[in-house]
N, C-alpha and C. Protein backbone atom coordinates (compact mmCIF):
# COMPACT_ATOMS: atom_id res chain seq x y z
N MET A 1 0.85 -1.41 -0.11
CA MET A 1 0.14 0.26 -0.24
C MET A 1 0.72 1.30 -0.17
N ASN A 2 1.84 0.97 0.86
CA ASN A 2 3.23 2.23 1.01
C ASN A 2 3.04 2.86 -0.58
N GLY A 3 2.84 2.30 -1.66
CA GLY A 3 3.85 2.86 -3.16
C GLY A 3 2.64 3.38 -3.81
N LEU A 4 1.56 3.39 -3.13
CA LEU A 4 -0.23 3.68 -4.14
C LEU A 4 0.33 5.84 -3.72
N SER A 5 -0.19 5.87 -4.80
CA SER A 5 -0.79 7.17 -4.61
C SER A 5 -1.56 7.84 -3.97
N ILE A 6 -2.17 8.99 -3.46
CA ILE A 6 -2.92 9.36 -2.75
C ILE A 6 -4.82 8.40 -3.43
N ILE A 7 -5.24 9.57 -4.51
CA ILE A 7 -5.45 9.11 -5.34
C ILE A 7 -6.12 7.17 -5.54
N GLN A 8 -4.74 6.67 -5.70
CA GLN A 8 -4.79 5.51 -5.70
C GLN A 8 -5.47 4.84 -4.73
N LYS A 9 -4.52 4.69 -3.08
CA LYS A 9 -5.27 4.87 -2.32
C LYS A 9 -6.91 4.65 -1.82
N VAL A 10 -7.42 5.88 -2.16
CA VAL A 10 -8.19 6.14 -2.07
C VAL A 10 -9.56 5.19 -3.39
N ALA A 11 -9.05 4.64 -4.20
CA ALA A 11 -9.28 4.03 -5.11
C ALA A 11 -9.59 2.74 -4.70
N VAL A 12 -9.02 2.40 -3.65
CA VAL A 12 -8.64 1.03 -3.44
C VAL A 12 -9.49 1.15 -2.30
N PHE A 13 -9.09 1.80 -1.16
CA PHE A 13 -10.24 1.69 0.31
C PHE A 13 -11.87 1.59 -0.26
N ILE A 14 -11.94 2.43 -1.46
CA ILE A 14 -13.64 3.60 -0.77
C ILE A 14 -15.11 2.53 -1.12
N ILE A 15 -14.64 0.98 -1.96
CA ILE A 15 -16.12 0.36 -1.78
C ILE A 15 -16.31 -0.27 -0.51
N PRO A 16 -14.43 -1.43 -0.29
CA PRO A 16 -14.69 -1.67 1.25
C PRO A 16 -15.27 -1.09 2.48
N LEU A 17 -14.37 0.25 2.56
CA LEU A 17 -15.23 1.31 3.11
C LEU A 17 -16.41 1.66 3.25
N VAL A 18 -17.07 2.22 2.45
CA VAL A 18 -18.60 2.37 2.25
C VAL A 18 -19.40 1.06 2.47
N LEU A 19 -18.95 -0.04 2.64
CA LEU A 19 -19.51 -1.67 2.27
C LEU A 19 -19.36 -2.14 3.97
N ALA A 20 -18.42 -1.72 4.48
CA ALA A 20 -18.30 -1.94 5.90
C ALA A 20 -19.52 -0.63 6.99
N ILE A 21 -19.36 0.05 6.56
CA ILE A 21 -20.38 1.44 7.29
C ILE A 21 -21.87 0.89 7.07
N THR A 22 -21.51 0.36 5.91
CA THR A 22 -22.97 0.58 5.17
C THR A 22 -24.20 -0.64 6.22
N LEU A 23 -23.18 -2.30 5.59
CA LEU A 23 -23.42 -3.08 6.29
C LEU A 23 -23.50 -3.11 8.03
N HIS A 24 -22.87 -2.84 8.65
CA HIS A 24 -22.68 -2.28 10.43
C HIS A 24 -23.61 -2.41 10.57
N GLU A 25 -24.22 -0.98 9.81
CA GLU A 25 -25.73 0.17 10.25
C GLU A 25 -26.68 -0.95 10.09
N ALA A 26 -27.21 -1.27 8.89
CA ALA A 26 -27.67 -2.60 8.58
C ALA A 26 -28.32 -3.43 9.18
N ALA A 27 -26.81 -4.46 9.75
CA ALA A 27 -26.71 -4.94 10.85
C ALA A 27 -27.66 -4.96 11.86
N HIS A 28 -27.41 -3.77 11.96
CA HIS A 28 -27.83 -2.96 13.51
C HIS A 28 -29.49 -2.47 13.46
N ALA A 29 -30.13 -2.44 11.94
CA ALA A 29 -31.17 -2.04 12.47
C ALA A 29 -32.43 -3.27 12.14
N PHE A 30 -31.86 -4.46 11.30
CA PHE A 30 -31.91 -5.49 11.35
C PHE A 30 -32.07 -6.44 12.54
N MET A 31 -31.25 -6.52 13.58
CA MET A 31 -31.28 -6.94 14.55
C MET A 31 -32.36 -6.32 15.44
N ALA A 32 -32.22 -5.16 15.80
CA ALA A 32 -33.80 -3.99 16.22
C ALA A 32 -35.35 -4.68 15.26
N LYS A 33 -35.06 -4.71 14.40
CA LYS A 33 -36.39 -4.80 14.37
C LYS A 33 -36.82 -6.48 14.34
N LYS A 34 -35.84 -7.05 14.37
CA LYS A 34 -36.04 -8.55 15.25
C LYS A 34 -36.64 -8.01 16.36
N TYR A 35 -35.76 -6.99 17.79
CA TYR A 35 -36.28 -7.45 18.63
C TYR A 35 -37.39 -6.53 19.28
N GLY A 36 -37.74 -6.20 18.10
CA GLY A 36 -39.41 -5.25 18.36
C GLY A 36 -39.40 -3.88 17.63
N ASP A 37 -38.24 -3.44 17.39
CA ASP A 37 -38.18 -2.18 17.13
C ASP A 37 -38.25 -1.33 15.55
N ARG A 38 -39.45 -1.08 14.82
CA ARG A 38 -39.40 -1.09 13.59
C ARG A 38 -38.74 0.30 13.58
N THR A 39 -38.21 0.88 14.51
CA THR A 39 -38.61 2.97 14.57
C THR A 39 -36.86 2.83 13.04
N ALA A 40 -35.54 2.13 12.86
CA ALA A 40 -35.24 2.56 12.00
C ALA A 40 -35.71 1.62 10.58
N MET A 41 -36.40 0.88 10.77
CA MET A 41 -36.84 0.60 9.10
C MET A 41 -37.51 1.17 8.29
N MET A 42 -39.08 1.94 9.52
CA MET A 42 -39.27 3.33 9.17
C MET A 42 -38.82 3.94 8.46
N LEU A 43 -38.05 4.48 9.07
CA LEU A 43 -37.09 5.84 8.60
C LEU A 43 -35.96 5.16 7.57
N GLY A 44 -36.20 4.61 6.84
CA GLY A 44 -35.04 3.59 5.78
C GLY A 44 -33.49 3.45 6.17
N ARG A 45 -33.52 2.97 7.29
CA ARG A 45 -31.78 1.95 7.84
C ARG A 45 -31.81 1.13 7.67
N LEU A 46 -33.19 0.06 7.36
CA LEU A 46 -32.85 -0.92 6.94
C LEU A 46 -32.70 -1.11 5.41
N SER A 47 -31.20 -0.87 5.57
CA SER A 47 -31.18 -0.14 4.19
C SER A 47 -29.33 -0.84 3.68
N LEU A 48 -29.31 -0.91 2.55
CA LEU A 48 -27.50 -1.50 1.98
C LEU A 48 -27.65 -0.28 1.38
N ASN A 49 -28.63 0.85 1.39
CA ASN A 49 -28.18 2.12 0.40
C ASN A 49 -27.06 2.75 1.37
N PRO A 50 -25.92 3.44 0.78
CA PRO A 50 -25.01 3.71 1.26
C PRO A 50 -25.50 5.14 1.98
N LEU A 51 -26.39 5.62 1.06
CA LEU A 51 -26.81 7.15 0.80
C LEU A 51 -27.70 7.22 2.99
N ARG A 52 -28.46 6.18 2.79
CA ARG A 52 -28.77 6.08 4.01
C ARG A 52 -28.13 6.19 5.81
N HIS A 53 -27.04 5.97 4.94
CA HIS A 53 -26.24 6.07 5.84
C HIS A 53 -24.77 6.43 6.55
N ILE A 54 -24.49 7.51 5.67
CA ILE A 54 -23.26 8.34 5.61
C ILE A 54 -23.45 9.97 6.05
N ASP A 55 -22.08 9.34 7.05
CA ASP A 55 -22.20 10.92 7.77
C ASP A 55 -21.05 11.49 7.23
N PRO A 56 -20.68 13.03 6.63
CA PRO A 56 -20.01 13.02 5.80
C PRO A 56 -19.22 13.30 6.78
N ILE A 57 -19.23 13.69 8.43
CA ILE A 57 -16.98 13.77 8.62
C ILE A 57 -16.94 12.76 8.85
N GLY A 58 -18.21 12.04 9.44
CA GLY A 58 -17.65 10.20 10.17
C GLY A 58 -16.95 9.29 9.12
N THR A 59 -18.26 9.36 8.04
CA THR A 59 -18.04 8.56 6.96
C THR A 59 -16.91 8.94 5.60
N ILE A 60 -16.66 10.16 5.45
CA ILE A 60 -15.77 10.27 4.75
C ILE A 60 -14.89 11.20 4.41
N LEU A 61 -14.78 12.73 5.43
CA LEU A 61 -13.17 13.32 6.41
C LEU A 61 -12.50 12.34 7.37
N PHE A 62 -12.99 11.74 8.33
CA PHE A 62 -12.23 11.22 9.53
C PHE A 62 -11.79 9.96 8.30
N PRO A 63 -12.20 9.10 7.66
CA PRO A 63 -11.34 8.22 7.04
C PRO A 63 -10.91 8.44 6.00
N LEU A 64 -10.62 9.52 5.28
CA LEU A 64 -10.15 10.29 4.28
C LEU A 64 -8.38 10.37 4.76
N ILE A 65 -8.56 10.83 5.95
CA ILE A 65 -7.69 11.82 6.42
C ILE A 65 -6.90 10.33 6.95
N GLY A 66 -7.39 9.59 7.84
CA GLY A 66 -6.68 8.42 7.82
C GLY A 66 -5.85 7.55 6.97
N ILE A 67 -6.59 7.64 5.89
CA ILE A 67 -5.88 6.71 4.22
C ILE A 67 -4.72 7.80 3.56
N MET A 68 -4.98 8.96 3.74
CA MET A 68 -3.53 10.02 3.09
C MET A 68 -2.49 9.93 4.24
N LEU A 69 -2.53 10.00 5.33
CA LEU A 69 -1.89 9.58 6.77
C LEU A 69 -1.32 7.91 6.93
N GLY A 70 -1.87 7.58 6.24
CA GLY A 70 -1.81 5.93 6.07
C GLY A 70 -1.05 5.20 7.85
N GLY A 71 -2.40 6.10 8.69
CA GLY A 71 -2.62 5.36 10.20
C GLY A 71 -3.79 5.02 10.37
N PHE A 72 -4.35 4.78 11.42
CA PHE A 72 -5.81 4.35 12.16
C PHE A 72 -6.63 4.80 11.26
N ILE A 73 -7.73 4.15 10.92
CA ILE A 73 -8.52 4.35 10.17
C ILE A 73 -10.16 4.38 10.62
N PHE A 74 -10.31 5.83 10.70
CA PHE A 74 -11.08 6.16 12.15
C PHE A 74 -12.37 6.00 11.57
N GLY A 75 -13.51 5.83 11.71
CA GLY A 75 -14.44 6.37 11.38
C GLY A 75 -16.04 5.96 12.01
N TRP A 76 -17.44 6.87 11.49
CA TRP A 76 -19.02 6.54 11.88
C TRP A 76 -19.60 6.64 11.13
N ALA A 77 -20.43 6.41 11.10
CA ALA A 77 -22.00 6.63 10.09
C ALA A 77 -23.30 7.22 10.91
N LYS A 78 -24.34 7.47 10.98
CA LYS A 78 -25.66 8.23 11.26
C LYS A 78 -25.81 7.05 12.00
N PRO A 79 -25.77 7.10 13.66
CA PRO A 79 -26.38 5.60 14.83
C PRO A 79 -28.02 5.32 13.89
N VAL A 80 -28.58 4.32 13.97
CA VAL A 80 -29.24 3.94 13.59
C VAL A 80 -30.51 4.44 14.98
N PRO A 81 -31.31 4.77 14.70
CA PRO A 81 -32.55 5.09 16.13
C PRO A 81 -32.68 3.85 16.70
N ILE A 82 -32.56 3.75 18.01
CA ILE A 82 -33.75 2.62 18.33
C ILE A 82 -34.67 3.31 19.67
N ASN A 83 -35.54 2.85 18.87
CA ASN A 83 -37.26 3.01 20.54
C ASN A 83 -36.97 1.93 21.78
N TYR A 84 -36.19 2.16 22.58
CA TYR A 84 -36.08 1.34 23.54
C TYR A 84 -37.05 0.71 24.26
N ALA A 85 -37.71 1.23 24.67
CA ALA A 85 -39.33 1.14 24.92
C ALA A 85 -40.77 -0.11 24.06
N SER A 86 -39.90 -0.21 22.25
CA SER A 86 -40.65 -1.41 21.70
C SER A 86 -39.68 -2.48 21.19
N LEU A 87 -38.68 -2.58 22.10
CA LEU A 87 -37.98 -4.35 22.82
C LEU A 87 -38.29 -4.86 23.13
N HIS A 88 -38.64 -6.05 22.73
CA HIS A 88 -38.86 -7.05 23.81
C HIS A 88 -38.86 -7.41 25.36
N ASN A 89 -37.15 -7.22 25.78
CA ASN A 89 -36.50 -7.18 26.92
C ASN A 89 -35.61 -5.98 26.57
N PRO A 90 -35.70 -4.64 26.90
CA PRO A 90 -34.45 -3.85 25.97
C PRO A 90 -33.09 -3.76 26.87
N LYS A 91 -33.09 -4.11 28.10
CA LYS A 91 -31.74 -4.62 28.49
C LYS A 91 -31.04 -5.40 27.49
N LYS A 92 -31.71 -6.66 28.00
CA LYS A 92 -31.05 -7.76 26.76
C LYS A 92 -30.97 -7.43 25.42
N ASP A 93 -32.29 -7.13 25.49
CA ASP A 93 -31.87 -6.93 23.40
C ASP A 93 -30.94 -6.26 23.42
N ILE A 94 -30.56 -5.18 23.76
CA ILE A 94 -29.80 -4.17 23.42
C ILE A 94 -29.09 -4.95 22.92
N LEU A 95 -27.91 -5.98 23.44
CA LEU A 95 -26.65 -6.60 23.82
C LEU A 95 -26.68 -6.92 22.23
N TRP A 96 -27.59 -8.00 21.68
CA TRP A 96 -27.28 -8.46 20.56
C TRP A 96 -27.47 -7.55 19.25
N ILE A 97 -28.06 -6.15 19.67
CA ILE A 97 -28.23 -5.48 18.80
C ILE A 97 -27.57 -4.75 18.52
N ALA A 98 -26.33 -4.52 19.47
CA ALA A 98 -24.57 -3.81 19.67
C ALA A 98 -24.00 -4.76 18.59
N LEU A 99 -24.04 -5.90 19.37
CA LEU A 99 -22.84 -7.00 18.98
C LEU A 99 -23.33 -7.12 17.24
N ALA A 100 -24.45 -6.93 16.79
CA ALA A 100 -24.73 -6.95 15.21
C ALA A 100 -23.20 -6.38 14.35
N GLY A 101 -23.54 -5.17 15.05
CA GLY A 101 -22.40 -4.42 13.31
C GLY A 101 -20.95 -5.28 13.45
N PRO A 102 -20.08 -5.11 14.78
CA PRO A 102 -19.53 -6.02 14.60
C PRO A 102 -19.25 -7.60 13.92
N VAL A 103 -20.18 -7.83 14.53
CA VAL A 103 -19.89 -9.31 13.32
C VAL A 103 -20.65 -9.41 12.39
N SER A 104 -21.35 -7.94 11.94
CA SER A 104 -21.24 -8.38 10.43
C SER A 104 -19.87 -7.90 9.86
N ASN A 105 -18.79 -6.44 10.60
CA ASN A 105 -17.39 -6.14 10.44
C ASN A 105 -16.31 -7.93 9.66
N PHE A 106 -16.74 -8.47 11.32
CA PHE A 106 -15.92 -9.52 11.19
C PHE A 106 -16.55 -10.34 9.83
N ALA A 107 -17.59 -10.90 9.88
CA ALA A 107 -18.44 -11.25 8.27
C ALA A 107 -17.45 -10.72 7.40
N GLN A 108 -17.89 -9.55 6.75
CA GLN A 108 -16.92 -8.95 5.45
C GLN A 108 -15.36 -9.37 5.33
N ALA A 109 -15.07 -9.33 6.97
CA ALA A 109 -13.31 -9.37 6.88
C ALA A 109 -12.84 -10.96 6.39
N LEU A 110 -13.80 -12.39 6.70
CA LEU A 110 -13.51 -13.65 5.90
C LEU A 110 -14.12 -13.19 4.62
N VAL A 111 -15.44 -12.73 4.00
CA VAL A 111 -15.07 -12.57 2.62
C VAL A 111 -14.15 -11.62 2.04
N TRP A 112 -13.76 -10.93 2.51
CA TRP A 112 -12.41 -10.40 1.54
C TRP A 112 -11.58 -10.96 1.96
N ALA A 113 -11.04 -11.52 2.69
CA ALA A 113 -9.52 -13.13 3.23
C ALA A 113 -10.10 -13.46 1.37
N LEU A 114 -11.63 -14.08 2.01
CA LEU A 114 -11.45 -15.23 0.45
C LEU A 114 -11.58 -14.32 -0.94
N ILE A 115 -11.93 -12.96 -1.44
CA ILE A 115 -11.44 -12.39 -1.92
C ILE A 115 -9.79 -12.72 -2.94
N LEU A 116 -9.21 -12.58 -1.72
CA LEU A 116 -7.94 -11.66 -1.47
C LEU A 116 -6.89 -13.19 -2.39
N LYS A 117 -7.75 -14.39 -1.79
CA LYS A 117 -7.94 -15.82 -1.89
C LYS A 117 -7.75 -16.19 -3.80
N LEU A 118 -8.55 -15.18 -4.08
CA LEU A 118 -8.67 -15.70 -5.52
C LEU A 118 -7.76 -14.27 -6.40
N SER A 119 -7.94 -13.61 -5.74
CA SER A 119 -6.33 -12.23 -6.18
C SER A 119 -5.49 -13.20 -6.94
N PHE A 120 -5.09 -13.79 -5.65
CA PHE A 120 -3.88 -14.63 -5.56
C PHE A 120 -4.21 -15.66 -6.71
N MET A 121 -4.84 -16.51 -7.14
CA MET A 121 -5.48 -17.54 -8.18
C MET A 121 -5.43 -16.71 -9.62
N LEU A 122 -5.67 -15.31 -10.15
CA LEU A 122 -6.48 -14.60 -10.82
C LEU A 122 -4.62 -13.79 -11.41
N GLY A 123 -4.11 -13.62 -10.09
CA GLY A 123 -3.05 -12.51 -10.58
C GLY A 123 -3.14 -11.45 -11.92
N GLY A 124 -1.88 -11.18 -12.30
CA GLY A 124 -1.78 -10.03 -13.47
C GLY A 124 -2.51 -8.88 -13.25
N TYR A 125 -3.19 -8.64 -14.66
CA TYR A 125 -4.15 -7.39 -14.99
C TYR A 125 -5.64 -7.27 -13.46
N PHE A 126 -5.43 -8.51 -13.63
CA PHE A 126 -7.40 -8.81 -12.96
C PHE A 126 -6.82 -8.48 -11.41
N GLY A 127 -5.95 -9.47 -10.55
CA GLY A 127 -5.83 -10.07 -9.33
C GLY A 127 -5.17 -9.22 -8.51
N MET A 128 -4.11 -8.12 -9.08
CA MET A 128 -3.30 -7.28 -8.35
C MET A 128 -4.03 -6.11 -7.87
N PRO A 129 -4.89 -5.51 -8.50
CA PRO A 129 -6.02 -4.74 -8.03
C PRO A 129 -7.02 -4.97 -6.80
N LEU A 130 -7.61 -6.44 -7.59
CA LEU A 130 -8.93 -6.84 -6.69
C LEU A 130 -7.75 -6.77 -5.15
N GLY A 131 -6.84 -7.49 -5.39
CA GLY A 131 -6.00 -7.73 -4.14
C GLY A 131 -5.62 -6.89 -2.94
N LEU A 132 -5.47 -5.68 -3.51
CA LEU A 132 -5.39 -4.62 -2.99
C LEU A 132 -6.90 -4.37 -2.20
N MET A 133 -7.87 -4.25 -3.26
CA MET A 133 -8.85 -3.79 -2.64
C MET A 133 -9.09 -4.88 -1.68
N ALA A 134 -9.11 -6.02 -2.00
CA ALA A 134 -9.19 -7.55 -0.86
C ALA A 134 -8.40 -6.90 0.96
N GLN A 135 -6.70 -6.37 0.28
CA GLN A 135 -6.26 -6.52 1.36
C GLN A 135 -7.17 -5.59 2.79
N ALA A 136 -7.43 -3.61 1.72
CA ALA A 136 -7.79 -2.96 2.37
C ALA A 136 -9.43 -3.56 2.86
N GLY A 137 -10.21 -4.11 2.75
CA GLY A 137 -11.24 -4.81 3.43
C GLY A 137 -11.34 -5.30 4.23
N ILE A 138 -9.90 -6.35 4.40
CA ILE A 138 -9.83 -6.96 5.48
C ILE A 138 -9.65 -6.00 6.94
N MET A 139 -8.15 -4.84 6.69
CA MET A 139 -7.77 -3.81 7.33
C MET A 139 -9.11 -3.10 7.79
N ILE A 140 -10.04 -2.43 7.07
CA ILE A 140 -11.02 -1.84 7.57
C ILE A 140 -12.31 -2.40 8.44
N ASN A 141 -12.39 -3.80 7.83
CA ASN A 141 -13.28 -4.24 8.56
C ASN A 141 -12.45 -4.51 10.07
N ILE A 142 -11.66 -5.35 10.34
CA ILE A 142 -11.22 -5.28 11.49
C ILE A 142 -10.79 -4.07 12.66
N SER A 143 -10.79 -2.97 11.55
CA SER A 143 -10.30 -1.77 12.08
C SER A 143 -11.78 -1.23 13.12
N LEU A 144 -12.51 -1.37 12.80
CA LEU A 144 -14.05 -0.61 12.67
C LEU A 144 -14.58 -1.81 13.78
N MET A 145 -14.32 -2.53 13.49
CA MET A 145 -15.17 -4.01 14.59
C MET A 145 -14.79 -4.23 15.90
N LEU A 146 -12.87 -3.58 16.11
CA LEU A 146 -12.14 -2.85 17.18
C LEU A 146 -12.71 -2.19 17.85
N LEU A 147 -12.60 -1.09 17.12
CA LEU A 147 -13.45 0.38 17.66
C LEU A 147 -14.37 -0.04 18.13
N ASN A 148 -15.51 -0.15 17.13
CA ASN A 148 -17.00 -0.15 18.22
C ASN A 148 -17.15 -1.38 19.40
N LEU A 149 -15.86 -2.23 19.56
CA LEU A 149 -16.19 -3.46 20.24
C LEU A 149 -15.43 -2.27 21.90
N LEU A 150 -14.32 -1.48 21.49
CA LEU A 150 -14.56 -1.08 22.70
C LEU A 150 -15.29 -0.51 24.26
N PRO A 151 -15.32 -0.65 25.38
CA PRO A 151 -16.25 -0.43 26.72
C PRO A 151 -16.72 1.13 26.59
N ILE A 152 -16.81 2.07 25.36
CA ILE A 152 -16.82 3.71 25.63
C ILE A 152 -18.34 3.63 25.26
N LEU A 153 -19.33 3.91 25.63
CA LEU A 153 -20.68 4.67 24.84
C LEU A 153 -20.02 5.76 24.52
N PRO A 154 -20.50 6.54 23.43
CA PRO A 154 -21.60 5.17 22.65
C PRO A 154 -21.76 3.68 21.67
N LEU A 155 -20.52 3.56 21.40
CA LEU A 155 -19.66 2.47 20.89
C LEU A 155 -20.82 1.53 21.19
N ASP A 156 -20.40 0.20 20.23
CA ASP A 156 -21.38 -0.85 20.66
C ASP A 156 -20.94 -1.86 21.97
N GLY A 157 -19.80 -1.46 22.24
CA GLY A 157 -19.01 -1.87 23.17
C GLY A 157 -19.41 -1.79 24.49
N GLY A 158 -19.75 -0.55 24.69
CA GLY A 158 -20.50 0.15 25.58
C GLY A 158 -21.85 -0.10 25.42
N ARG A 159 -22.64 -0.65 24.77
CA ARG A 159 -23.77 -1.00 24.80
C ARG A 159 -23.85 -2.12 25.09
N VAL A 160 -23.40 -3.34 25.28
CA VAL A 160 -22.80 -4.27 25.28
C VAL A 160 -22.34 -4.64 27.40
N LEU A 161 -21.29 -3.53 27.35
CA LEU A 161 -20.66 -3.53 28.63
C LEU A 161 -22.44 -2.77 30.23
N PHE A 162 -23.12 -2.32 28.89
CA PHE A 162 -24.20 -1.29 29.57
C PHE A 162 -24.89 -2.80 29.86
N SER A 163 -25.46 -3.41 28.35
CA SER A 163 -26.75 -4.54 28.85
C SER A 163 -25.46 -6.01 29.87
N LEU A 164 -24.88 -5.74 30.00
CA LEU A 164 -24.36 -7.28 30.92
C LEU A 164 -24.31 -6.41 32.94
N LEU A 165 -24.21 -5.24 33.21
CA LEU A 165 -23.99 -4.71 33.82
C LEU A 165 -25.53 -5.05 35.06
N PRO A 166 -24.98 -4.91 36.12
CA PRO A 166 -25.88 -4.75 36.86
C PRO A 166 -26.96 -3.37 36.56
N ILE A 167 -28.12 -3.49 36.81
CA ILE A 167 -29.20 -2.71 36.73
C ILE A 167 -28.59 -0.90 37.21
N LYS A 168 -28.45 -1.20 38.88
CA LYS A 168 -28.24 -0.12 39.40
C LYS A 168 -26.60 0.65 38.55
N GLN A 169 -25.71 0.08 38.45
CA GLN A 169 -23.89 -0.11 37.85
C GLN A 169 -24.14 0.35 36.66
N ALA A 170 -25.90 -0.16 35.55
CA ALA A 170 -26.03 0.00 34.52
C ALA A 170 -26.04 1.30 34.30
N ASN A 171 -27.20 2.29 35.21
CA ASN A 171 -27.91 3.15 35.10
C ASN A 171 -26.78 4.68 35.43
N ILE A 172 -25.34 3.90 36.24
CA ILE A 172 -25.14 4.50 36.37
C ILE A 172 -23.48 5.22 35.33
N TYR A 173 -22.95 3.74 34.98
CA TYR A 173 -22.54 3.49 34.04
C TYR A 173 -22.53 4.56 32.46
N ALA A 174 -24.25 4.70 32.08
CA ALA A 174 -24.61 5.44 31.20
C ALA A 174 -24.87 6.82 30.88
N ARG A 175 -24.40 7.34 32.69
CA ARG A 175 -24.34 8.47 32.72
C ARG A 175 -22.99 9.21 31.91
N MET A 176 -22.00 8.69 31.74
CA MET A 176 -20.58 8.57 30.78
C MET A 176 -20.88 8.95 29.07
N GLU A 177 -22.34 8.55 28.79
CA GLU A 177 -22.25 8.93 27.27
C GLU A 177 -21.79 10.11 26.54
N PRO A 178 -22.59 11.37 27.18
CA PRO A 178 -22.39 12.45 26.99
C PRO A 178 -20.74 12.92 26.22
N TYR A 179 -19.93 12.18 27.40
CA TYR A 179 -18.22 11.95 27.36
C TYR A 179 -18.01 10.72 26.16
N GLY A 180 -18.35 10.16 25.98
CA GLY A 180 -17.72 9.11 24.89
C GLY A 180 -17.10 9.46 24.11
N MET A 181 -17.79 10.14 23.19
CA MET A 181 -16.61 10.79 21.68
C MET A 181 -15.69 11.06 22.15
N TRP A 182 -15.93 11.94 23.10
CA TRP A 182 -14.80 12.90 23.25
C TRP A 182 -13.51 12.47 24.19
N ILE A 183 -14.04 11.20 25.08
CA ILE A 183 -12.64 10.30 25.45
C ILE A 183 -11.78 9.65 24.36
N LEU A 184 -13.19 9.05 23.19
CA LEU A 184 -12.51 8.75 21.86
C LEU A 184 -11.72 9.81 21.21
N ILE A 185 -12.10 10.71 20.92
CA ILE A 185 -11.20 11.57 19.82
C ILE A 185 -9.47 11.76 20.91
N ALA A 186 -9.94 11.64 22.57
CA ALA A 186 -8.47 12.12 23.05
C ALA A 186 -8.06 10.97 22.77
N LEU A 187 -8.17 9.98 22.84
CA LEU A 187 -7.46 8.12 22.48
C LEU A 187 -6.44 8.50 21.02
N LEU A 188 -7.83 8.81 20.13
CA LEU A 188 -7.74 8.95 19.15
C LEU A 188 -5.26 9.90 18.95
N LEU A 189 -6.32 10.85 19.26
CA LEU A 189 -5.05 12.41 18.91
C LEU A 189 -4.04 11.83 19.63
N LEU A 190 -3.89 11.11 21.53
CA LEU A 190 -2.49 11.20 21.90
C LEU A 190 -2.68 9.39 21.84
N GLY A 191 -2.84 8.71 20.29
CA GLY A 191 -2.41 7.43 19.92
C GLY A 191 -2.99 6.69 21.11
N GLY A 192 -3.52 6.95 21.62
CA GLY A 192 -3.86 5.45 22.83
C GLY A 192 -4.65 4.71 21.84
N LEU A 193 -5.44 4.36 20.76
CA LEU A 193 -6.42 3.54 20.15
C LEU A 193 -5.67 2.94 19.41
N THR A 194 -4.67 3.41 19.07
CA THR A 194 -2.86 2.70 18.13
C THR A 194 -2.66 1.21 19.57
N TYR A 195 -2.43 1.42 21.04
CA TYR A 195 -1.71 1.32 21.43
C TYR A 195 -2.73 0.45 21.86
N ILE A 196 -4.19 -0.12 22.04
CA ILE A 196 -5.09 -0.35 22.39
C ILE A 196 -5.53 -1.39 21.74
N ILE A 197 -5.41 -1.07 20.21
CA ILE A 197 -6.10 -1.89 19.36
C ILE A 197 -5.07 -2.89 18.61
N GLN A 198 -4.07 -2.47 18.34
CA GLN A 198 -2.44 -2.73 18.04
C GLN A 198 -2.93 -4.60 18.17
N PRO A 199 -2.52 -4.92 19.24
CA PRO A 199 -1.65 -6.06 20.02
C PRO A 199 -2.91 -6.96 19.17
N MET A 200 -4.33 -6.80 19.34
CA MET A 200 -5.62 -7.52 18.83
C MET A 200 -5.54 -7.81 17.44
N TYR A 201 -5.66 -6.35 17.39
CA TYR A 201 -5.73 -5.95 15.27
C TYR A 201 -4.31 -7.17 14.95
N SER A 202 -3.48 -7.35 15.14
CA SER A 202 -2.30 -8.31 14.32
C SER A 202 -2.54 -9.79 14.64
N THR A 203 -3.34 -9.87 15.91
CA THR A 203 -3.49 -11.46 16.04
C THR A 203 -4.75 -11.93 15.36
N ILE A 204 -5.83 -10.73 15.09
CA ILE A 204 -6.99 -11.57 14.13
C ILE A 204 -6.61 -10.89 12.73
N ILE A 205 -5.88 -10.12 11.99
CA ILE A 205 -5.44 -10.55 11.32
C ILE A 205 -4.63 -11.97 10.97
N THR A 206 -3.91 -12.21 11.71
CA THR A 206 -2.68 -13.38 11.50
C THR A 206 -3.06 -14.68 10.97
N PHE A 207 -4.64 -14.66 12.18
CA PHE A 207 -5.60 -15.36 12.30
C PHE A 207 -6.42 -15.44 10.77
N ILE A 208 -6.57 -14.62 10.31
CA ILE A 208 -7.29 -15.02 9.18
C ILE A 208 -6.50 -15.07 7.60
N LEU A 209 -5.73 -14.59 7.92
CA LEU A 209 -4.60 -14.76 6.75
C LEU A 209 -4.14 -16.61 6.92
N SER A 210 -4.50 -16.44 8.07
CA SER A 210 -3.92 -18.69 8.38
C SER A 210 -4.83 -19.60 7.68
N LEU A 211 -6.02 -18.41 7.52
CA LEU A 211 -6.99 -19.60 6.94
C LEU A 211 -7.27 -19.41 5.14
N ILE A 212 -6.56 -19.05 4.71
CA ILE A 212 -6.92 -18.51 2.88
C ILE A 212 -5.56 -19.76 2.65
N GLN A 213 -4.82 -19.84 3.77
CA GLN A 213 -3.11 -20.13 2.85
C GLN A 213 -3.20 -21.86 3.05
């Protein structure tokens, strides 16, 4: 990837990035509907149309900066609206709704790994760009999966932790949500995200690549 120009990097990363974020949010909407909340579906968020989910800053600007700088790819989409009162068992159901997004990213990483293996077989003119895009797909999806699993509200990992905590502790923990994004941005600027995520990222990437050897 280091030998590519900025335009080439954007061309390689754009499709995997849009798919990663779109399917992540659509997975949340699907699980919300499954557990009784049709809010996201009625607002058009149970959709594979990227325009339904794109946030200009989180989906375009921040990932573009990450791609240009060659560092951690940090981004987000418009959050899927959840009406907790409509869920069958709100505190329990939010666990599965929250996990749906990261699970979709892991599944996409596996699909991109298969495409990477296919690119080796094709080789030449078609195989090389397909292989680069597949590598980008694996990198982006594992990065977004691990980022979203951090136990910080309003990230998915924060929702999971909220669901698992006893009610009293969960309510206390929920008060941190207004500060969650500021904590995340501070970790990003100070390099903390790379320090926290890199070991798990390397392990998972190694595991996925071992599956196609």
